[in-house]
Amino acid sequence: MLSIRLNDLQFFARHGLYEEEKIIGGEFVVNVLIEYAPQAPVVYRLEDTIDYAAVYQLVKQKMQQPTPLLETLAMQMVNDILEACPLAENVEVSVRKVKPPIANYIGSTEAAYSKRR
């Protein structure tokens, strides 16, 4: 298996259940892992691998659409990537809310989803 990773993609977005999150917005970090079995012993052409620039555009587009739950975002991204990348056999996406609006909470929250063909 060959792995393609998009690490620490940073976005400002308006995801969340609470009205203040929709108004103020917040910082999010997305990580993507895509695994596939290359058809050739060595990959030389973009057509024979996963186009991570195209994957980034899918993630960026999804992050621009306000969504109440991180779980929903992660699941939608995984399904979109599997649909757009026929070579992908396994996809995992994590979406981290850097500073969730929880009283006296220091840390981040994250939802991750993976799906195998």
PDB file of N, CA and C in Angstrom:
ATOM      1  N   MET A   1       0.840  -1.187   0.000  1.00  0.00           N
ATOM      2  CA  MET A   1       0.000   0.000   0.000  1.00  0.00           C
ATOM      3  C   MET A   1       0.883   1.248   0.000  1.00  0.00           C
ATOM      4  N   LEU A   2       0.431   2.223  -0.733  1.00  0.00           N
ATOM      5  CA  LEU A   2       1.090   3.520  -0.761  1.00  0.00           C
ATOM      6  C   LEU A   2       0.175   4.498  -0.038  1.00  0.00           C
ATOM      7  N   SER A   3       0.770   5.389   0.748  1.00  0.00           N
ATOM      8  CA  SER A   3      -0.008   6.368   1.507  1.00  0.00           C
ATOM      9  C   SER A   3       0.248   7.769   0.986  1.00  0.00           C
ATOM     10  N   ILE A   4      -0.820   8.525   0.855  1.00  0.00           N
ATOM     11  CA  ILE A   4      -0.754   9.952   0.551  1.00  0.00           C
ATOM     12  C   ILE A   4      -1.346  10.656   1.765  1.00  0.00           C
ATOM     13  N   ARG A   5      -0.618  11.628   2.298  1.00  0.00           N
ATOM     14  CA  ARG A   5      -1.095  12.356   3.482  1.00  0.00           C
ATOM     15  C   ARG A   5      -1.115  13.858   3.203  1.00  0.00           C
ATOM     16  N   LEU A   6      -2.178  14.481   3.628  1.00  0.00           N
ATOM     17  CA  LEU A   6      -2.261  15.936   3.660  1.00  0.00           C
ATOM     18  C   LEU A   6      -2.330  16.283   5.139  1.00  0.00           C
ATOM     19  N   ASN A   7      -1.280  16.909   5.652  1.00  0.00           N
ATOM     20  CA  ASN A   7      -1.148  17.124   7.087  1.00  0.00           C
ATOM     21  C   ASN A   7      -1.352  18.579   7.484  1.00  0.00           C
ATOM     22  N   ASP A   8      -2.058  18.764   8.586  1.00  0.00           N
ATOM     23  CA  ASP A   8      -2.187  20.069   9.236  1.00  0.00           C
ATOM     24  C   ASP A   8      -2.730  21.162   8.317  1.00  0.00           C
ATOM     25  N   LEU A   9      -3.768  20.836   7.558  1.00  0.00           N
ATOM     26  CA  LEU A   9      -4.425  21.835   6.710  1.00  0.00           C
ATOM     27  C   LEU A   9      -5.200  22.782   7.620  1.00  0.00           C
ATOM     28  N   GLN A  10      -4.905  24.057   7.562  1.00  0.00           N
ATOM     29  CA  GLN A  10      -5.505  25.020   8.479  1.00  0.00           C
ATOM     30  C   GLN A  10      -6.562  25.860   7.777  1.00  0.00           C
ATOM     31  N   PHE A  11      -7.696  26.007   8.482  1.00  0.00           N
ATOM     32  CA  PHE A  11      -8.829  26.749   7.936  1.00  0.00           C
ATOM     33  C   PHE A  11      -9.466  27.601   9.022  1.00  0.00           C
ATOM     34  N   PHE A  12     -10.021  28.735   8.614  1.00  0.00           N
ATOM     35  CA  PHE A  12     -10.941  29.494   9.456  1.00  0.00           C
ATOM     36  C   PHE A  12     -12.326  29.186   8.916  1.00  0.00           C
ATOM     37  N   ALA A  13     -13.230  28.757   9.797  1.00  0.00           N
ATOM     38  CA  ALA A  13     -14.564  28.357   9.332  1.00  0.00           C
ATOM     39  C   ALA A  13     -15.599  28.610  10.422  1.00  0.00           C
ATOM     40  N   ARG A  14     -16.859  28.390  10.070  1.00  0.00           N
ATOM     41  CA  ARG A  14     -17.979  28.663  10.983  1.00  0.00           C
ATOM     42  C   ARG A  14     -18.772  27.395  11.285  1.00  0.00           C
ATOM     43  N   HIS A  15     -18.070  26.353  11.700  1.00  0.00           N
ATOM     44  CA  HIS A  15     -18.721  25.092  12.036  1.00  0.00           C
ATOM     45  C   HIS A  15     -19.061  25.063  13.520  1.00  0.00           C
ATOM     46  N   GLY A  16     -20.197  24.474  13.853  1.00  0.00           N
ATOM     47  CA  GLY A  16     -20.557  24.302  15.254  1.00  0.00           C
ATOM     48  C   GLY A  16     -22.050  24.350  15.469  1.00  0.00           C
ATOM     49  N   LEU A  17     -22.443  23.855  16.627  1.00  0.00           N
ATOM     50  CA  LEU A  17     -23.861  23.825  16.999  1.00  0.00           C
ATOM     51  C   LEU A  17     -24.341  25.160  17.555  1.00  0.00           C
ATOM     52  N   TYR A  18     -23.429  25.905  18.162  1.00  0.00           N
ATOM     53  CA  TYR A  18     -23.821  27.113  18.878  1.00  0.00           C
ATOM     54  C   TYR A  18     -23.793  28.339  17.972  1.00  0.00           C
ATOM     55  N   GLU A  19     -24.729  29.242  18.221  1.00  0.00           N
ATOM     56  CA  GLU A  19     -24.870  30.447  17.399  1.00  0.00           C
ATOM     57  C   GLU A  19     -23.578  31.260  17.361  1.00  0.00           C
ATOM     58  N   GLU A  20     -22.898  31.366  18.501  1.00  0.00           N
ATOM     59  CA  GLU A  20     -21.654  32.147  18.543  1.00  0.00           C
ATOM     60  C   GLU A  20     -20.589  31.571  17.602  1.00  0.00           C
ATOM     61  N   GLU A  21     -20.563  30.252  17.450  1.00  0.00           N
ATOM     62  CA  GLU A  21     -19.600  29.626  16.537  1.00  0.00           C
ATOM     63  C   GLU A  21     -19.908  29.994  15.090  1.00  0.00           C
ATOM     64  N   LYS A  22     -21.190  30.100  14.791  1.00  0.00           N
ATOM     65  CA  LYS A  22     -21.600  30.446  13.433  1.00  0.00           C
ATOM     66  C   LYS A  22     -21.293  31.905  13.113  1.00  0.00           C
ATOM     67  N   ILE A  23     -21.314  32.757  14.141  1.00  0.00           N
ATOM     68  CA  ILE A  23     -21.061  34.184  13.949  1.00  0.00           C
ATOM     69  C   ILE A  23     -19.563  34.491  13.998  1.00  0.00           C
ATOM     70  N   ILE A  24     -18.904  34.025  15.056  1.00  0.00           N
ATOM     71  CA  ILE A  24     -17.495  34.343  15.278  1.00  0.00           C
ATOM     72  C   ILE A  24     -16.569  33.461  14.450  1.00  0.00           C
ATOM     73  N   GLY A  25     -16.926  32.205  14.308  1.00  0.00           N
ATOM     74  CA  GLY A  25     -16.067  31.261  13.595  1.00  0.00           C
ATOM     75  C   GLY A  25     -14.909  30.802  14.457  1.00  0.00           C
ATOM     76  N   GLY A  26     -14.052  30.003  13.879  1.00  0.00           N
ATOM     77  CA  GLY A  26     -12.911  29.497  14.628  1.00  0.00           C
ATOM     78  C   GLY A  26     -11.895  28.828  13.723  1.00  0.00           C
ATOM     79  N   GLU A  27     -10.817  28.378  14.350  1.00  0.00           N
ATOM     80  CA  GLU A  27      -9.735  27.716  13.628  1.00  0.00           C
ATOM     81  C   GLU A  27      -9.947  26.207  13.631  1.00  0.00           C
ATOM     82  N   PHE A  28      -9.645  25.596  12.495  1.00  0.00           N
ATOM     83  CA  PHE A  28      -9.787  24.148  12.335  1.00  0.00           C
ATOM     84  C   PHE A  28      -8.541  23.605  11.647  1.00  0.00           C
ATOM     85  N   VAL A  29      -8.216  22.363  11.978  1.00  0.00           N
ATOM     86  CA  VAL A  29      -7.093  21.671  11.346  1.00  0.00           C
ATOM     87  C   VAL A  29      -7.607  20.339  10.814  1.00  0.00           C
ATOM     88  N   VAL A  30      -7.300  20.060   9.556  1.00  0.00           N
ATOM     89  CA  VAL A  30      -7.756  18.822   8.910  1.00  0.00           C
ATOM     90  C   VAL A  30      -6.534  17.997   8.510  1.00  0.00           C
ATOM     91  N   ASN A  31      -6.614  16.693   8.750  1.00  0.00           N
ATOM     92  CA  ASN A  31      -5.598  15.742   8.301  1.00  0.00           C
ATOM     93  C   ASN A  31      -6.282  14.678   7.462  1.00  0.00           C
ATOM     94  N   VAL A  32      -5.624  14.301   6.368  1.00  0.00           N
ATOM     95  CA  VAL A  32      -6.188  13.313   5.445  1.00  0.00           C
ATOM     96  C   VAL A  32      -5.144  12.229   5.187  1.00  0.00           C
ATOM     97  N   LEU A  33      -5.583  10.987   5.243  1.00  0.00           N
ATOM     98  CA  LEU A  33      -4.755   9.840   4.867  1.00  0.00           C
ATOM     99  C   LEU A  33      -5.499   9.066   3.789  1.00  0.00           C
ATOM    100  N   ILE A  34      -4.820   8.818   2.676  1.00  0.00           N
ATOM    101  CA  ILE A  34      -5.398   8.018   1.591  1.00  0.00           C
ATOM    102  C   ILE A  34      -4.415   6.892   1.290  1.00  0.00           C
ATOM    103  N   GLU A  35      -4.911   5.667   1.281  1.00  0.00           N
ATOM    104  CA  GLU A  35      -4.077   4.513   0.973  1.00  0.00           C
ATOM    105  C   GLU A  35      -4.586   3.843  -0.295  1.00  0.00           C
ATOM    106  N   TYR A  36      -3.636   3.400  -1.115  1.00  0.00           N
ATOM    107  CA  TYR A  36      -4.006   2.690  -2.341  1.00  0.00           C
ATOM    108  C   TYR A  36      -2.866   1.770  -2.751  1.00  0.00           C
ATOM    109  N   ALA A  37      -3.193   0.808  -3.591  1.00  0.00           N
ATOM    110  CA  ALA A  37      -2.191  -0.117  -4.128  1.00  0.00           C
ATOM    111  C   ALA A  37      -1.808   0.347  -5.526  1.00  0.00           C
ATOM    112  N   PRO A  38      -0.585   0.826  -5.704  1.00  0.00           N
ATOM    113  CA  PRO A  38      -0.180   1.266  -7.037  1.00  0.00           C
ATOM    114  C   PRO A  38      -0.191   0.105  -8.025  1.00  0.00           C
ATOM    115  N   GLN A  39      -0.539   0.416  -9.252  1.00  0.00           N
ATOM    116  CA  GLN A  39      -0.617  -0.610 -10.292  1.00  0.00           C
ATOM    117  C   GLN A  39       0.743  -0.900 -10.922  1.00  0.00           C
ATOM    118  N   ALA A  40       1.693   0.013 -10.752  1.00  0.00           N
ATOM    119  CA  ALA A  40       3.028  -0.152 -11.330  1.00  0.00           C
ATOM    120  C   ALA A  40       4.052  -0.273 -10.198  1.00  0.00           C
ATOM    121  N   PRO A  41       5.215  -0.858 -10.486  1.00  0.00           N
ATOM    122  CA  PRO A  41       6.243  -0.990  -9.454  1.00  0.00           C
ATOM    123  C   PRO A  41       6.745   0.363  -8.937  1.00  0.00           C
ATOM    124  N   VAL A  42       6.764   1.364  -9.825  1.00  0.00           N
ATOM    125  CA  VAL A  42       7.158   2.718  -9.456  1.00  0.00           C
ATOM    126  C   VAL A  42       6.179   3.681 -10.117  1.00  0.00           C
ATOM    127  N   VAL A  43       5.744   4.678  -9.365  1.00  0.00           N
ATOM    128  CA  VAL A  43       4.777   5.653  -9.882  1.00  0.00           C
ATOM    129  C   VAL A  43       5.535   6.844 -10.463  1.00  0.00           C
ATOM    130  N   TYR A  44       5.279   7.141 -11.735  1.00  0.00           N
ATOM    131  CA  TYR A  44       5.930   8.262 -12.419  1.00  0.00           C
ATOM    132  C   TYR A  44       4.940   9.314 -12.918  1.00  0.00           C
ATOM    133  N   ARG A  45       3.665   8.946 -13.021  1.00  0.00           N
ATOM    134  CA  ARG A  45       2.681   9.860 -13.610  1.00  0.00           C
ATOM    135  C   ARG A  45       1.573  10.165 -12.603  1.00  0.00           C
ATOM    136  N   LEU A  46       1.067  11.375 -12.662  1.00  0.00           N
ATOM    137  CA  LEU A  46      -0.015  11.787 -11.777  1.00  0.00           C
ATOM    138  C   LEU A  46      -1.239  10.897 -11.944  1.00  0.00           C
ATOM    139  N   GLU A  47      -1.476  10.427 -13.145  1.00  0.00           N
ATOM    140  CA  GLU A  47      -2.641   9.576 -13.422  1.00  0.00           C
ATOM    141  C   GLU A  47      -2.577   8.245 -12.668  1.00  0.00           C
ATOM    142  N   ASP A  48      -1.382   7.876 -12.211  1.00  0.00           N
ATOM    143  CA  ASP A  48      -1.201   6.598 -11.523  1.00  0.00           C
ATOM    144  C   ASP A  48      -1.176   6.730 -10.004  1.00  0.00           C
ATOM    145  N   THR A  49      -1.518   7.909  -9.514  1.00  0.00           N
ATOM    146  CA  THR A  49      -1.493   8.136  -8.075  1.00  0.00           C
ATOM    147  C   THR A  49      -2.693   8.989  -7.669  1.00  0.00           C
ATOM    148  N   ILE A  50      -2.694   9.459  -6.454  1.00  0.00           N
ATOM    149  CA  ILE A  50      -3.755  10.327  -5.937  1.00  0.00           C
ATOM    150  C   ILE A  50      -3.294  11.775  -6.091  1.00  0.00           C
ATOM    151  N   ASP A  51      -4.097  12.593  -6.720  1.00  0.00           N
ATOM    152  CA  ASP A  51      -3.781  14.010  -6.914  1.00  0.00           C
ATOM    153  C   ASP A  51      -4.118  14.761  -5.628  1.00  0.00           C
ATOM    154  N   TYR A  52      -3.099  15.004  -4.800  1.00  0.00           N
ATOM    155  CA  TYR A  52      -3.381  15.627  -3.508  1.00  0.00           C
ATOM    156  C   TYR A  52      -3.818  17.078  -3.634  1.00  0.00           C
ATOM    157  N   ALA A  53      -3.508  17.745  -4.742  1.00  0.00           N
ATOM    158  CA  ALA A  53      -4.022  19.102  -4.963  1.00  0.00           C
ATOM    159  C   ALA A  53      -5.537  19.063  -5.161  1.00  0.00           C
ATOM    160  N   ALA A  54      -6.028  18.056  -5.873  1.00  0.00           N
ATOM    161  CA  ALA A  54      -7.479  17.895  -6.063  1.00  0.00           C
ATOM    162  C   ALA A  54      -8.152  17.534  -4.744  1.00  0.00           C
ATOM    163  N   VAL A  55      -7.492  16.700  -3.939  1.00  0.00           N
ATOM    164  CA  VAL A  55      -8.043  16.338  -2.625  1.00  0.00           C
ATOM    165  C   VAL A  55      -8.126  17.580  -1.747  1.00  0.00           C
ATOM    166  N   TYR A  56      -7.089  18.408  -1.775  1.00  0.00           N
ATOM    167  CA  TYR A  56      -7.112  19.647  -1.004  1.00  0.00           C
ATOM    168  C   TYR A  56      -8.298  20.522  -1.404  1.00  0.00           C
ATOM    169  N   GLN A  57      -8.573  20.633  -2.686  1.00  0.00           N
ATOM    170  CA  GLN A  57      -9.706  21.443  -3.147  1.00  0.00           C
ATOM    171  C   GLN A  57     -11.031  20.898  -2.621  1.00  0.00           C
ATOM    172  N   LEU A  58     -11.174  19.569  -2.564  1.00  0.00           N
ATOM    173  CA  LEU A  58     -12.389  18.965  -1.992  1.00  0.00           C
ATOM    174  C   LEU A  58     -12.540  19.335  -0.521  1.00  0.00           C
ATOM    175  N   VAL A  59     -11.440  19.229   0.214  1.00  0.00           N
ATOM    176  CA  VAL A  59     -11.459  19.551   1.643  1.00  0.00           C
ATOM    177  C   VAL A  59     -11.769  21.032   1.841  1.00  0.00           C
ATOM    178  N   LYS A  60     -11.109  21.882   1.090  1.00  0.00           N
ATOM    179  CA  LYS A  60     -11.323  23.329   1.195  1.00  0.00           C
ATOM    180  C   LYS A  60     -12.781  23.689   0.924  1.00  0.00           C
ATOM    181  N   GLN A  61     -13.343  23.108  -0.115  1.00  0.00           N
ATOM    182  CA  GLN A  61     -14.742  23.378  -0.459  1.00  0.00           C
ATOM    183  C   GLN A  61     -15.676  22.965   0.681  1.00  0.00           C
ATOM    184  N   LYS A  62     -15.435  21.803   1.260  1.00  0.00           N
ATOM    185  CA  LYS A  62     -16.282  21.322   2.352  1.00  0.00           C
ATOM    186  C   LYS A  62     -16.125  22.207   3.591  1.00  0.00           C
ATOM    187  N   MET A  63     -14.913  22.686   3.842  1.00  0.00           N
ATOM    188  CA  MET A  63     -14.678  23.532   5.020  1.00  0.00           C
ATOM    189  C   MET A  63     -15.344  24.896   4.881  1.00  0.00           C
ATOM    190  N   GLN A  64     -15.654  25.311   3.673  1.00  0.00           N
ATOM    191  CA  GLN A  64     -16.314  26.600   3.458  1.00  0.00           C
ATOM    192  C   GLN A  64     -17.822  26.532   3.688  1.00  0.00           C
ATOM    193  N   GLN A  65     -18.365  25.330   3.860  1.00  0.00           N
ATOM    194  CA  GLN A  65     -19.803  25.151   4.067  1.00  0.00           C
ATOM    195  C   GLN A  65     -20.073  24.927   5.557  1.00  0.00           C
ATOM    196  N   PRO A  66     -20.668  25.911   6.253  1.00  0.00           N
ATOM    197  CA  PRO A  66     -20.927  25.746   7.683  1.00  0.00           C
ATOM    198  C   PRO A  66     -21.710  24.462   7.973  1.00  0.00           C
ATOM    199  N   THR A  67     -21.211  23.713   8.946  1.00  0.00           N
ATOM    200  CA  THR A  67     -21.779  22.414   9.305  1.00  0.00           C
ATOM    201  C   THR A  67     -21.805  22.308  10.825  1.00  0.00           C
ATOM    202  N   PRO A  68     -22.901  21.840  11.419  1.00  0.00           N
ATOM    203  CA  PRO A  68     -22.991  21.786  12.876  1.00  0.00           C
ATOM    204  C   PRO A  68     -21.989  20.848  13.554  1.00  0.00           C
ATOM    205  N   LEU A  69     -21.725  19.681  12.972  1.00  0.00           N
ATOM    206  CA  LEU A  69     -20.913  18.672  13.652  1.00  0.00           C
ATOM    207  C   LEU A  69     -19.621  18.351  12.901  1.00  0.00           C
ATOM    208  N   LEU A  70     -18.545  18.195  13.652  1.00  0.00           N
ATOM    209  CA  LEU A  70     -17.276  17.766  13.060  1.00  0.00           C
ATOM    210  C   LEU A  70     -17.407  16.374  12.463  1.00  0.00           C
ATOM    211  N   GLU A  71     -18.203  15.531  13.098  1.00  0.00           N
ATOM    212  CA  GLU A  71     -18.420  14.171  12.604  1.00  0.00           C
ATOM    213  C   GLU A  71     -18.989  14.191  11.187  1.00  0.00           C
ATOM    214  N   THR A  72     -19.941  15.083  10.959  1.00  0.00           N
ATOM    215  CA  THR A  72     -20.549  15.210   9.632  1.00  0.00           C
ATOM    216  C   THR A  72     -19.496  15.610   8.604  1.00  0.00           C
ATOM    217  N   LEU A  73     -18.680  16.599   8.957  1.00  0.00           N
ATOM    218  CA  LEU A  73     -17.621  17.052   8.046  1.00  0.00           C
ATOM    219  C   LEU A  73     -16.672  15.918   7.684  1.00  0.00           C
ATOM    220  N   ALA A  74     -16.192  15.201   8.693  1.00  0.00           N
ATOM    221  CA  ALA A  74     -15.236  14.115   8.443  1.00  0.00           C
ATOM    222  C   ALA A  74     -15.849  13.048   7.544  1.00  0.00           C
ATOM    223  N   MET A  75     -17.083  12.671   7.817  1.00  0.00           N
ATOM    224  CA  MET A  75     -17.740  11.624   7.023  1.00  0.00           C
ATOM    225  C   MET A  75     -17.979  12.081   5.588  1.00  0.00           C
ATOM    226  N   GLN A  76     -18.428  13.314   5.415  1.00  0.00           N
ATOM    227  CA  GLN A  76     -18.664  13.827   4.066  1.00  0.00           C
ATOM    228  C   GLN A  76     -17.366  13.905   3.268  1.00  0.00           C
ATOM    229  N   MET A  77     -16.293  14.340   3.921  1.00  0.00           N
ATOM    230  CA  MET A  77     -15.010  14.433   3.223  1.00  0.00           C
ATOM    231  C   MET A  77     -14.522  13.058   2.783  1.00  0.00           C
ATOM    232  N   VAL A  78     -14.614  12.075   3.664  1.00  0.00           N
ATOM    233  CA  VAL A  78     -14.184  10.718   3.310  1.00  0.00           C
ATOM    234  C   VAL A  78     -14.975  10.214   2.110  1.00  0.00           C
ATOM    235  N   ASN A  79     -16.287  10.372   2.157  1.00  0.00           N
ATOM    236  CA  ASN A  79     -17.127   9.896   1.046  1.00  0.00           C
ATOM    237  C   ASN A  79     -16.825  10.639  -0.254  1.00  0.00           C
ATOM    238  N   ASP A  80     -16.602  11.951  -0.173  1.00  0.00           N
ATOM    239  CA  ASP A  80     -16.268  12.738  -1.367  1.00  0.00           C
ATOM    240  C   ASP A  80     -14.929  12.298  -1.965  1.00  0.00           C
ATOM    241  N   ILE A  81     -13.951  12.039  -1.104  1.00  0.00           N
ATOM    242  CA  ILE A  81     -12.630  11.618  -1.585  1.00  0.00           C
ATOM    243  C   ILE A  81     -12.720  10.247  -2.238  1.00  0.00           C
ATOM    244  N   LEU A  82     -13.438   9.327  -1.622  1.00  0.00           N
ATOM    245  CA  LEU A  82     -13.597   7.997  -2.223  1.00  0.00           C
ATOM    246  C   LEU A  82     -14.277   8.080  -3.587  1.00  0.00           C
ATOM    247  N   GLU A  83     -15.244   8.970  -3.703  1.00  0.00           N
ATOM    248  CA  GLU A  83     -15.944   9.132  -4.982  1.00  0.00           C
ATOM    249  C   GLU A  83     -15.032   9.750  -6.046  1.00  0.00           C
ATOM    250  N   ALA A  84     -14.213  10.715  -5.641  1.00  0.00           N
ATOM    251  CA  ALA A  84     -13.361  11.434  -6.595  1.00  0.00           C
ATOM    252  C   ALA A  84     -12.071  10.688  -6.947  1.00  0.00           C
ATOM    253  N   CYS A  85     -11.676   9.754  -6.107  1.00  0.00           N
ATOM    254  CA  CYS A  85     -10.390   9.062  -6.293  1.00  0.00           C
ATOM    255  C   CYS A  85     -10.616   7.562  -6.413  1.00  0.00           C
ATOM    256  N   PRO A  86     -10.834   7.063  -7.614  1.00  0.00           N
ATOM    257  CA  PRO A  86     -11.130   5.641  -7.798  1.00  0.00           C
ATOM    258  C   PRO A  86     -10.017   4.708  -7.316  1.00  0.00           C
ATOM    259  N   LEU A  87      -8.777   5.184  -7.278  1.00  0.00           N
ATOM    260  CA  LEU A  87      -7.672   4.350  -6.803  1.00  0.00           C
ATOM    261  C   LEU A  87      -7.686   4.156  -5.285  1.00  0.00           C
ATOM    262  N   ALA A  88      -8.289   5.086  -4.561  1.00  0.00           N
ATOM    263  CA  ALA A  88      -8.256   5.049  -3.095  1.00  0.00           C
ATOM    264  C   ALA A  88      -8.945   3.798  -2.565  1.00  0.00           C
ATOM    265  N   GLU A  89      -8.256   3.108  -1.666  1.00  0.00           N
ATOM    266  CA  GLU A  89      -8.824   1.917  -1.035  1.00  0.00           C
ATOM    267  C   GLU A  89      -9.248   2.185   0.399  1.00  0.00           C
ATOM    268  N   ASN A  90      -8.532   3.095   1.051  1.00  0.00           N
ATOM    269  CA  ASN A  90      -8.861   3.464   2.422  1.00  0.00           C
ATOM    270  C   ASN A  90      -8.634   4.961   2.576  1.00  0.00           C
ATOM    271  N   VAL A  91      -9.583   5.633   3.213  1.00  0.00           N
ATOM    272  CA  VAL A  91      -9.457   7.076   3.442  1.00  0.00           C
ATOM    273  C   VAL A  91      -9.789   7.359   4.896  1.00  0.00           C
ATOM    274  N   GLU A  92      -8.967   8.184   5.515  1.00  0.00           N
ATOM    275  CA  GLU A  92      -9.226   8.628   6.885  1.00  0.00           C
ATOM    276  C   GLU A  92      -9.092  10.142   6.927  1.00  0.00           C
ATOM    277  N   VAL A  93     -10.045  10.793   7.583  1.00  0.00           N
ATOM    278  CA  VAL A  93     -10.024  12.246   7.733  1.00  0.00           C
ATOM    279  C   VAL A  93     -10.269  12.577   9.195  1.00  0.00           C
ATOM    280  N   SER A  94      -9.479  13.499   9.728  1.00  0.00           N
ATOM    281  CA  SER A  94      -9.752  14.039  11.058  1.00  0.00           C
ATOM    282  C   SER A  94      -9.946  15.542  10.930  1.00  0.00           C
ATOM    283  N   VAL A  95     -10.907  16.057  11.694  1.00  0.00           N
ATOM    284  CA  VAL A  95     -11.199  17.490  11.714  1.00  0.00           C
ATOM    285  C   VAL A  95     -11.096  17.942  13.164  1.00  0.00           C
ATOM    286  N   ARG A  96     -10.184  18.869  13.427  1.00  0.00           N
ATOM    287  CA  ARG A  96      -9.947  19.352  14.788  1.00  0.00           C
ATOM    288  C   ARG A  96     -10.427  20.789  14.934  1.00  0.00           C
ATOM    289  N   LYS A  97     -11.204  21.028  15.983  1.00  0.00           N
ATOM    290  CA  LYS A  97     -11.598  22.388  16.356  1.00  0.00           C
ATOM    291  C   LYS A  97     -10.555  22.849  17.371  1.00  0.00           C
ATOM    292  N   VAL A  98      -9.765  23.860  17.012  1.00  0.00           N
ATOM    293  CA  VAL A  98      -8.609  24.246  17.815  1.00  0.00           C
ATOM    294  C   VAL A  98      -9.012  24.778  19.185  1.00  0.00           C
ATOM    295  N   LYS A  99     -10.021  25.618  19.253  1.00  0.00           N
ATOM    296  CA  LYS A  99     -10.451  26.194  20.537  1.00  0.00           C
ATOM    297  C   LYS A  99     -11.969  26.096  20.644  1.00  0.00           C
ATOM    298  N   PRO A 100     -12.490  24.968  21.088  1.00  0.00           N
ATOM    299  CA  PRO A 100     -13.943  24.835  21.200  1.00  0.00           C
ATOM    300  C   PRO A 100     -14.490  25.745  22.305  1.00  0.00           C
ATOM    301  N   PRO A 101     -15.715  26.244  22.129  1.00  0.00           N
ATOM    302  CA  PRO A 101     -16.302  27.156  23.115  1.00  0.00           C
ATOM    303  C   PRO A 101     -16.871  26.403  24.326  1.00  0.00           C
ATOM    304  N   ILE A 102     -15.975  25.860  25.130  1.00  0.00           N
ATOM    305  CA  ILE A 102     -16.363  25.126  26.336  1.00  0.00           C
ATOM    306  C   ILE A 102     -15.726  25.852  27.517  1.00  0.00           C
ATOM    307  N   ALA A 103     -16.533  26.225  28.507  1.00  0.00           N
ATOM    308  CA  ALA A 103     -16.041  26.979  29.659  1.00  0.00           C
ATOM    309  C   ALA A 103     -14.897  26.243  30.352  1.00  0.00           C
ATOM    310  N   ASN A 104     -13.821  26.977  30.617  1.00  0.00           N
ATOM    311  CA  ASN A 104     -12.650  26.468  31.347  1.00  0.00           C
ATOM    312  C   ASN A 104     -11.966  25.288  30.666  1.00  0.00           C
ATOM    313  N   TYR A 105     -12.166  25.116  29.380  1.00  0.00           N
ATOM    314  CA  TYR A 105     -11.580  23.998  28.636  1.00  0.00           C
ATOM    315  C   TYR A 105     -10.344  24.491  27.906  1.00  0.00           C
ATOM    316  N   ILE A 106      -9.232  23.842  28.156  1.00  0.00           N
ATOM    317  CA  ILE A 106      -8.000  24.183  27.452  1.00  0.00           C
ATOM    318  C   ILE A 106      -7.619  22.964  26.628  1.00  0.00           C
ATOM    319  N   GLY A 107      -7.706  23.088  25.324  1.00  0.00           N
ATOM    320  CA  GLY A 107      -7.414  21.964  24.445  1.00  0.00           C
ATOM    321  C   GLY A 107      -8.246  22.063  23.184  1.00  0.00           C
ATOM    322  N   SER A 108      -8.201  21.017  22.413  1.00  0.00           N
ATOM    323  CA  SER A 108      -8.956  20.978  21.164  1.00  0.00           C
ATOM    324  C   SER A 108      -9.903  19.787  21.184  1.00  0.00           C
ATOM    325  N   THR A 109     -10.813  19.762  20.228  1.00  0.00           N
ATOM    326  CA  THR A 109     -11.682  18.598  20.038  1.00  0.00           C
ATOM    327  C   THR A 109     -11.510  18.132  18.599  1.00  0.00           C
ATOM    328  N   GLU A 110     -11.790  16.850  18.371  1.00  0.00           N
ATOM    329  CA  GLU A 110     -11.535  16.301  17.045  1.00  0.00           C
ATOM    330  C   GLU A 110     -12.474  15.140  16.766  1.00  0.00           C
ATOM    331  N   ALA A 111     -12.889  15.048  15.514  1.00  0.00           N
ATOM    332  CA  ALA A 111     -13.642  13.882  15.042  1.00  0.00           C
ATOM    333  C   ALA A 111     -12.858  13.280  13.885  1.00  0.00           C
ATOM    334  N   ALA A 112     -12.763  11.960  13.874  1.00  0.00           N
ATOM    335  CA  ALA A 112     -12.053  11.263  12.799  1.00  0.00           C
ATOM    336  C   ALA A 112     -12.948  10.158  12.263  1.00  0.00           C
ATOM    337  N   TYR A 113     -12.855   9.945  10.959  1.00  0.00           N
ATOM    338  CA  TYR A 113     -13.652   8.903  10.308  1.00  0.00           C
ATOM    339  C   TYR A 113     -12.790   8.234   9.252  1.00  0.00           C
ATOM    340  N   SER A 114     -12.897   6.922   9.161  1.00  0.00           N
ATOM    341  CA  SER A 114     -12.187   6.202   8.106  1.00  0.00           C
ATOM    342  C   SER A 114     -13.137   5.219   7.450  1.00  0.00           C
ATOM    343  N   LYS A 115     -12.861   4.965   6.184  1.00  0.00           N
ATOM    344  CA  LYS A 115     -13.712   4.053   5.420  1.00  0.00           C
ATOM    345  C   LYS A 115     -12.852   3.343   4.386  1.00  0.00           C
ATOM    346  N   ARG A 116     -13.078   2.047   4.289  1.00  0.00           N
ATOM    347  CA  ARG A 116     -12.358   1.206   3.343  1.00  0.00           C
ATOM    348  C   ARG A 116     -13.326   0.769   2.259  1.00  0.00           C
ATOM    349  N   ARG A 117     -12.849   0.732   1.011  1.00  0.00           N
ATOM    350  CA  ARG A 117     -13.679   0.251  -0.100  1.00  0.00           C
ATOM    351  C   ARG A 117     -13.935  -1.219   0.029  1.00  0.00           C
TER     352      ARG A 117
END
